[in-house]
């Protein structure tokens, strides 16, 4: 396997997911894609295939409920961390 091919594969998968999302959005909103004069249309098979591909490429969001009480309230903290890859060794 070539060096960096995993990165290339992940990038290609993200691009494909973006294109699928654009097509599904165009269909849902009745918009045209490209130079087409007609609104974008998808068959049920295309919609199902898009759903399956997106499930692989994008995480499925789920509803999570956290509950606290007056004595022990819950706090939510978000941290952003910048991670740099270590320098390459020759």
N, C-alpha and C. Protein backbone atom coordinates (compact mmCIF):
# COMPACT_ATOMS: atom_id res chain seq x y z
N UNK A 1 0.84 -1.17 0.00
CA UNK A 1 0.00 0.00 0.00
C UNK A 1 0.89 1.24 0.00
N UNK A 2 0.55 2.21 -0.85
CA UNK A 2 1.35 3.41 -0.94
C UNK A 2 1.17 4.28 0.30
N UNK A 3 2.21 5.04 0.58
CA UNK A 3 2.16 5.97 1.71
C UNK A 3 1.08 7.01 1.44
N UNK A 4 0.22 7.26 2.42
CA UNK A 4 -0.80 8.28 2.28
C UNK A 4 -2.05 7.82 1.55
N UNK A 5 -2.10 6.57 1.11
CA UNK A 5 -3.28 6.13 0.36
C UNK A 5 -4.52 6.06 1.24
N UNK A 6 -4.35 5.81 2.54
CA UNK A 6 -5.50 5.83 3.44
C UNK A 6 -6.10 7.22 3.51
N UNK A 7 -5.22 8.23 3.55
CA UNK A 7 -5.70 9.62 3.57
C UNK A 7 -6.46 9.94 2.29
N UNK A 8 -5.91 9.51 1.16
CA UNK A 8 -6.56 9.75 -0.13
C UNK A 8 -7.93 9.07 -0.17
N UNK A 9 -8.00 7.84 0.31
CA UNK A 9 -9.27 7.10 0.33
C UNK A 9 -10.30 7.81 1.21
N UNK A 10 -9.86 8.28 2.38
CA UNK A 10 -10.79 9.00 3.27
C UNK A 10 -11.26 10.29 2.62
N UNK A 11 -10.36 10.99 1.95
CA UNK A 11 -10.73 12.24 1.28
C UNK A 11 -11.73 11.98 0.17
N UNK A 12 -11.50 10.94 -0.62
CA UNK A 12 -12.44 10.59 -1.69
C UNK A 12 -13.81 10.23 -1.12
N UNK A 13 -13.83 9.51 -0.02
CA UNK A 13 -15.10 9.13 0.60
C UNK A 13 -15.85 10.38 1.08
N UNK A 14 -15.13 11.34 1.63
CA UNK A 14 -15.78 12.58 2.09
C UNK A 14 -16.34 13.37 0.91
N UNK A 15 -15.60 13.40 -0.20
CA UNK A 15 -16.08 14.11 -1.39
C UNK A 15 -17.33 13.44 -1.92
N UNK A 16 -17.32 12.10 -1.99
CA UNK A 16 -18.51 11.37 -2.45
C UNK A 16 -19.70 11.66 -1.54
N UNK A 17 -19.47 11.65 -0.23
CA UNK A 17 -20.55 11.92 0.72
C UNK A 17 -21.10 13.32 0.49
N UNK A 18 -20.23 14.29 0.24
CA UNK A 18 -20.68 15.66 -0.01
C UNK A 18 -21.54 15.72 -1.26
N UNK A 19 -21.13 15.02 -2.32
CA UNK A 19 -21.92 15.03 -3.56
C UNK A 19 -23.28 14.37 -3.35
N UNK A 20 -23.30 13.27 -2.60
CA UNK A 20 -24.57 12.59 -2.33
C UNK A 20 -25.49 13.52 -1.53
N UNK A 21 -24.93 14.20 -0.54
CA UNK A 21 -25.73 15.12 0.27
C UNK A 21 -26.30 16.22 -0.60
N UNK A 22 -25.51 16.77 -1.53
CA UNK A 22 -25.99 17.83 -2.42
C UNK A 22 -27.15 17.33 -3.28
N UNK A 23 -27.04 16.10 -3.79
CA UNK A 23 -28.12 15.55 -4.62
C UNK A 23 -29.40 15.32 -3.81
N UNK A 24 -29.25 14.80 -2.60
CA UNK A 24 -30.42 14.55 -1.76
C UNK A 24 -31.07 15.88 -1.36
N UNK A 25 -30.26 16.89 -1.05
CA UNK A 25 -30.80 18.21 -0.71
C UNK A 25 -31.54 18.81 -1.90
N UNK A 26 -30.95 18.72 -3.09
CA UNK A 26 -31.60 19.25 -4.28
C UNK A 26 -32.93 18.56 -4.52
N UNK A 27 -32.95 17.25 -4.34
CA UNK A 27 -34.21 16.51 -4.50
C UNK A 27 -35.24 16.97 -3.48
N UNK A 28 -34.82 17.07 -2.21
CA UNK A 28 -35.75 17.44 -1.14
C UNK A 28 -36.30 18.85 -1.33
N UNK A 29 -35.48 19.75 -1.86
CA UNK A 29 -35.89 21.14 -2.02
C UNK A 29 -36.47 21.44 -3.40
N UNK A 30 -36.51 20.43 -4.27
CA UNK A 30 -37.06 20.63 -5.62
C UNK A 30 -36.20 21.55 -6.47
N UNK A 31 -34.90 21.55 -6.23
CA UNK A 31 -33.99 22.42 -6.97
C UNK A 31 -33.39 21.68 -8.17
N UNK A 32 -32.81 22.46 -9.06
CA UNK A 32 -32.14 21.89 -10.22
C UNK A 32 -30.67 21.67 -9.90
N UNK A 33 -30.08 20.69 -10.56
CA UNK A 33 -28.64 20.45 -10.42
C UNK A 33 -28.00 20.72 -11.77
N UNK A 34 -26.94 21.49 -11.75
CA UNK A 34 -26.23 21.80 -12.99
C UNK A 34 -27.08 22.64 -13.92
N UNK A 35 -27.06 22.31 -15.19
CA UNK A 35 -27.77 23.09 -16.21
C UNK A 35 -29.14 22.53 -16.53
N UNK A 36 -29.57 21.56 -15.77
CA UNK A 36 -30.87 20.94 -16.01
C UNK A 36 -32.00 21.95 -15.83
N UNK A 37 -33.02 21.85 -16.67
CA UNK A 37 -34.18 22.74 -16.57
C UNK A 37 -35.22 22.19 -15.60
N UNK A 38 -35.14 20.91 -15.32
CA UNK A 38 -36.12 20.26 -14.45
C UNK A 38 -35.55 20.09 -13.04
N UNK A 39 -36.46 20.07 -12.05
CA UNK A 39 -35.98 19.79 -10.69
C UNK A 39 -35.34 18.42 -10.63
N UNK A 40 -34.39 18.27 -9.74
CA UNK A 40 -33.68 17.01 -9.58
C UNK A 40 -34.63 15.93 -9.10
N UNK A 41 -34.52 14.75 -9.66
CA UNK A 41 -35.37 13.64 -9.25
C UNK A 41 -34.51 12.43 -8.94
N UNK A 42 -34.95 11.66 -7.97
CA UNK A 42 -34.25 10.43 -7.59
C UNK A 42 -35.27 9.32 -7.45
N UNK A 43 -34.86 8.12 -7.82
CA UNK A 43 -35.73 6.97 -7.64
C UNK A 43 -35.64 6.52 -6.18
N UNK A 44 -36.57 5.67 -5.77
CA UNK A 44 -36.52 5.17 -4.39
C UNK A 44 -35.24 4.35 -4.17
N UNK A 45 -34.79 3.65 -5.21
CA UNK A 45 -33.55 2.88 -5.08
C UNK A 45 -32.36 3.81 -4.89
N UNK A 46 -32.34 4.96 -5.60
CA UNK A 46 -31.25 5.92 -5.43
C UNK A 46 -31.27 6.53 -4.03
N UNK A 47 -32.46 6.82 -3.53
CA UNK A 47 -32.56 7.38 -2.18
C UNK A 47 -32.08 6.38 -1.14
N UNK A 48 -32.44 5.11 -1.31
CA UNK A 48 -32.00 4.08 -0.36
C UNK A 48 -30.48 3.89 -0.43
N UNK A 49 -29.93 3.91 -1.64
CA UNK A 49 -28.48 3.79 -1.80
C UNK A 49 -27.77 4.97 -1.16
N UNK A 50 -28.31 6.18 -1.34
CA UNK A 50 -27.73 7.37 -0.72
C UNK A 50 -27.76 7.25 0.79
N UNK A 51 -28.86 6.76 1.32
CA UNK A 51 -28.99 6.59 2.77
C UNK A 51 -27.94 5.61 3.30
N UNK A 52 -27.73 4.50 2.60
CA UNK A 52 -26.76 3.51 3.04
C UNK A 52 -25.33 4.05 2.95
N UNK A 53 -25.01 4.76 1.87
CA UNK A 53 -23.67 5.30 1.72
C UNK A 53 -23.38 6.37 2.77
N UNK A 54 -24.36 7.21 3.04
CA UNK A 54 -24.16 8.26 4.04
C UNK A 54 -24.02 7.66 5.43
N UNK A 55 -24.72 6.57 5.70
CA UNK A 55 -24.60 5.93 7.00
C UNK A 55 -23.17 5.43 7.24
N UNK A 56 -22.50 5.05 6.17
CA UNK A 56 -21.11 4.60 6.28
C UNK A 56 -20.15 5.78 6.42
N UNK A 57 -20.46 6.88 5.72
CA UNK A 57 -19.53 8.01 5.66
C UNK A 57 -19.70 9.00 6.79
N UNK A 58 -20.92 9.20 7.25
CA UNK A 58 -21.21 10.20 8.27
C UNK A 58 -21.79 9.53 9.50
N UNK A 59 -21.44 9.99 10.68
CA UNK A 59 -22.03 9.41 11.89
C UNK A 59 -23.52 9.73 11.96
N UNK A 60 -24.28 8.78 12.46
CA UNK A 60 -25.72 9.00 12.61
C UNK A 60 -25.94 9.65 13.97
N UNK A 61 -26.60 10.78 13.95
CA UNK A 61 -26.83 11.52 15.18
C UNK A 61 -27.98 10.91 15.96
N UNK A 62 -27.82 10.83 17.25
CA UNK A 62 -28.86 10.28 18.11
C UNK A 62 -29.18 11.30 19.19
N UNK A 63 -30.39 11.26 19.68
CA UNK A 63 -30.78 12.14 20.76
C UNK A 63 -30.32 11.53 22.08
N UNK A 64 -29.67 12.36 22.88
CA UNK A 64 -29.21 11.93 24.19
C UNK A 64 -29.75 12.92 25.21
N UNK A 65 -30.35 12.42 26.25
CA UNK A 65 -30.90 13.28 27.29
C UNK A 65 -30.13 13.08 28.58
N UNK A 66 -29.65 14.18 29.12
CA UNK A 66 -28.97 14.17 30.41
C UNK A 66 -29.85 14.92 31.38
N UNK A 67 -30.00 14.40 32.57
CA UNK A 67 -30.83 15.06 33.56
C UNK A 67 -30.03 15.26 34.84
N UNK A 68 -30.24 16.40 35.46
CA UNK A 68 -29.62 16.69 36.73
C UNK A 68 -30.71 17.10 37.71
N UNK A 69 -30.32 17.43 38.89
CA UNK A 69 -31.31 17.93 39.85
C UNK A 69 -30.79 19.22 40.47
N UNK A 70 -31.56 19.82 41.32
CA UNK A 70 -31.19 21.12 41.91
C UNK A 70 -29.91 21.02 42.73
N UNK A 71 -29.68 19.90 43.40
CA UNK A 71 -28.48 19.75 44.23
C UNK A 71 -27.23 19.45 43.40
N UNK A 72 -27.41 18.74 42.31
CA UNK A 72 -26.27 18.38 41.46
C UNK A 72 -26.60 18.69 40.00
N UNK A 73 -26.55 19.96 39.61
CA UNK A 73 -26.87 20.29 38.21
C UNK A 73 -25.79 19.79 37.26
N UNK A 74 -26.19 19.58 36.04
CA UNK A 74 -25.24 19.13 35.02
C UNK A 74 -24.64 20.34 34.32
N UNK A 75 -23.38 20.24 33.99
CA UNK A 75 -22.69 21.27 33.23
C UNK A 75 -22.14 20.64 31.97
N UNK A 76 -22.17 21.41 30.91
CA UNK A 76 -21.67 20.93 29.62
C UNK A 76 -20.43 21.75 29.27
N UNK A 77 -19.34 21.08 28.96
CA UNK A 77 -18.11 21.77 28.62
C UNK A 77 -17.60 21.22 27.29
N UNK A 78 -17.24 22.12 26.38
CA UNK A 78 -16.69 21.73 25.09
C UNK A 78 -15.26 22.23 25.03
N UNK A 79 -14.37 21.34 24.69
CA UNK A 79 -12.96 21.71 24.56
C UNK A 79 -12.53 21.49 23.13
N UNK A 80 -11.76 22.42 22.62
CA UNK A 80 -11.17 22.26 21.29
C UNK A 80 -9.68 22.10 21.48
N UNK A 81 -9.14 21.07 20.90
CA UNK A 81 -7.73 20.78 21.05
C UNK A 81 -7.11 20.68 19.66
N UNK A 82 -6.02 21.38 19.47
CA UNK A 82 -5.30 21.30 18.20
C UNK A 82 -4.22 20.25 18.37
N UNK A 83 -4.28 19.26 17.51
CA UNK A 83 -3.32 18.16 17.58
C UNK A 83 -2.46 18.23 16.34
N UNK A 84 -1.19 18.29 16.54
CA UNK A 84 -0.26 18.31 15.41
C UNK A 84 0.42 16.95 15.32
N UNK A 85 0.62 16.50 14.10
CA UNK A 85 1.27 15.21 13.93
C UNK A 85 2.76 15.37 14.23
N UNK A 86 3.39 14.34 14.75
CA UNK A 86 4.82 14.43 15.05
C UNK A 86 5.62 14.56 13.77
N UNK A 87 6.79 15.15 13.86
CA UNK A 87 7.61 15.28 12.64
C UNK A 87 7.98 13.91 12.08
N UNK A 88 8.06 13.84 10.79
CA UNK A 88 8.42 12.57 10.13
C UNK A 88 9.90 12.29 10.30
N UNK A 89 10.19 11.03 10.55
CA UNK A 89 11.58 10.59 10.68
C UNK A 89 12.00 9.94 9.38
N UNK A 90 13.16 10.29 8.93
CA UNK A 90 13.66 9.70 7.68
C UNK A 90 14.42 8.43 7.93
